Amino acid sequence: MLYHQRKTERMQLGRNIKSLRSLKGFPLKYVATELGMSISNLSNIENGITGIEQKTLHKLGQVLGVEPKQIQIFNAEKFFSIAVNA
């Protein structure tokens, strides 16, 4: 059960990363290069296949111009709902 929760958390965090990266208009290759990792590694993180280390999450926040906590709690559905209704 605990593994499933971790996997679910990885998948949600990956979706958040992908959504924020897309909103910023950053290609996968650009962000991967800025993080010093391969495109496939970042893709695996975005798809919830692998996790992300805290220090990498912090660096990702710098690249995306947001706090790491914002990446963790980002809700794309809520964001787009607010943007559409504004």
Protein backbone atom coordinates (compact mmCIF):
# COMPACT_ATOMS: atom_id res chain seq x y z
CA MET A 1 0.00 0.00 0.00
CA LEU A 2 2.76 2.46 0.88
CA TYR A 3 4.45 1.87 -2.49
CA HIS A 4 1.18 2.70 -4.25
CA GLN A 5 0.96 5.99 -2.34
CA ARG A 6 4.50 6.85 -3.27
CA LYS A 7 3.85 5.99 -6.89
CA THR A 8 0.72 8.16 -6.85
CA GLU A 9 2.69 11.04 -5.35
CA ARG A 10 5.44 10.62 -7.97
CA MET A 11 2.87 10.64 -10.74
CA GLN A 12 1.16 13.78 -9.40
CA LEU A 13 4.45 15.61 -8.94
CA GLY A 14 5.47 14.61 -12.46
CA ARG A 15 2.21 15.98 -13.87
CA ASN A 16 2.78 19.20 -11.95
CA ILE A 17 6.30 19.55 -13.34
CA LYS A 18 5.14 18.90 -16.88
CA SER A 19 2.24 21.36 -16.57
CA LEU A 20 4.40 24.14 -15.15
CA ARG A 21 7.13 23.54 -17.72
CA SER A 22 4.55 23.74 -20.50
CA LEU A 23 2.96 26.89 -19.06
CA LYS A 24 6.38 28.53 -19.01
CA GLY A 25 6.93 27.44 -22.62
CA PHE A 26 10.13 25.57 -21.82
CA PRO A 27 11.00 22.58 -24.00
CA LEU A 28 11.92 19.34 -22.25
CA LYS A 29 15.45 19.57 -23.65
CA TYR A 30 16.00 23.05 -22.20
CA VAL A 31 14.91 22.12 -18.69
CA ALA A 32 16.84 18.84 -18.75
CA THR A 33 19.99 20.68 -19.81
CA GLU A 34 19.53 23.30 -17.07
CA LEU A 35 19.17 20.48 -14.52
CA GLY A 36 22.20 18.64 -15.87
CA MET A 37 20.24 15.51 -16.73
CA SER A 38 19.20 13.64 -19.82
CA ILE A 39 15.92 14.30 -21.58
CA SER A 40 14.85 10.72 -20.88
CA ASN A 41 15.53 11.14 -17.16
CA LEU A 42 13.38 14.28 -16.97
CA SER A 43 10.71 12.57 -19.04
CA ASN A 44 10.70 9.66 -16.58
CA ILE A 45 10.23 12.12 -13.71
CA GLU A 46 7.37 13.88 -15.51
CA ASN A 47 5.71 10.54 -16.20
CA GLY A 48 6.03 9.40 -12.58
CA ILE A 49 8.35 6.52 -13.45
CA THR A 50 11.15 7.83 -11.27
CA GLY A 51 11.21 10.23 -8.36
CA ILE A 52 13.08 13.49 -8.05
CA GLU A 53 15.62 14.34 -5.37
CA GLN A 54 14.94 17.33 -3.15
CA LYS A 55 18.00 19.23 -4.41
CA THR A 56 16.90 18.66 -8.02
CA LEU A 57 13.39 19.84 -7.17
CA HIS A 58 14.91 23.00 -5.69
CA LYS A 59 16.99 23.60 -8.82
CA LEU A 60 13.92 22.92 -10.97
CA GLY A 61 12.09 25.62 -9.04
CA GLN A 62 14.86 28.06 -9.92
CA VAL A 63 14.67 27.09 -13.59
CA LEU A 64 10.88 27.48 -13.66
CA GLY A 65 10.91 30.62 -11.50
CA VAL A 66 8.74 29.16 -8.74
CA GLU A 67 9.24 27.85 -5.23
CA PRO A 68 9.65 24.06 -4.95
CA LYS A 69 6.53 23.94 -2.74
CA GLN A 70 4.53 25.52 -5.57
CA ILE A 71 5.58 22.67 -7.84
CA GLN A 72 4.40 20.15 -5.27
CA ILE A 73 0.98 21.72 -4.71
CA PHE A 74 0.27 22.99 -8.25
CA ASN A 75 -3.21 22.09 -9.45
CA ALA A 76 -3.50 22.47 -13.23
CA GLU A 77 -7.27 21.94 -13.24
CA LYS A 78 -7.80 24.69 -10.68
CA PHE A 79 -5.32 26.98 -12.43
CA PHE A 80 -7.01 26.63 -15.80
CA SER A 81 -10.46 26.96 -14.25
CA ILE A 82 -9.46 30.26 -12.65
CA ALA A 83 -7.78 31.45 -15.89
CA VAL A 84 -10.88 30.64 -17.96
CA ASN A 85 -13.27 32.29 -15.49
CA ALA A 86 -11.14 35.44 -15.07
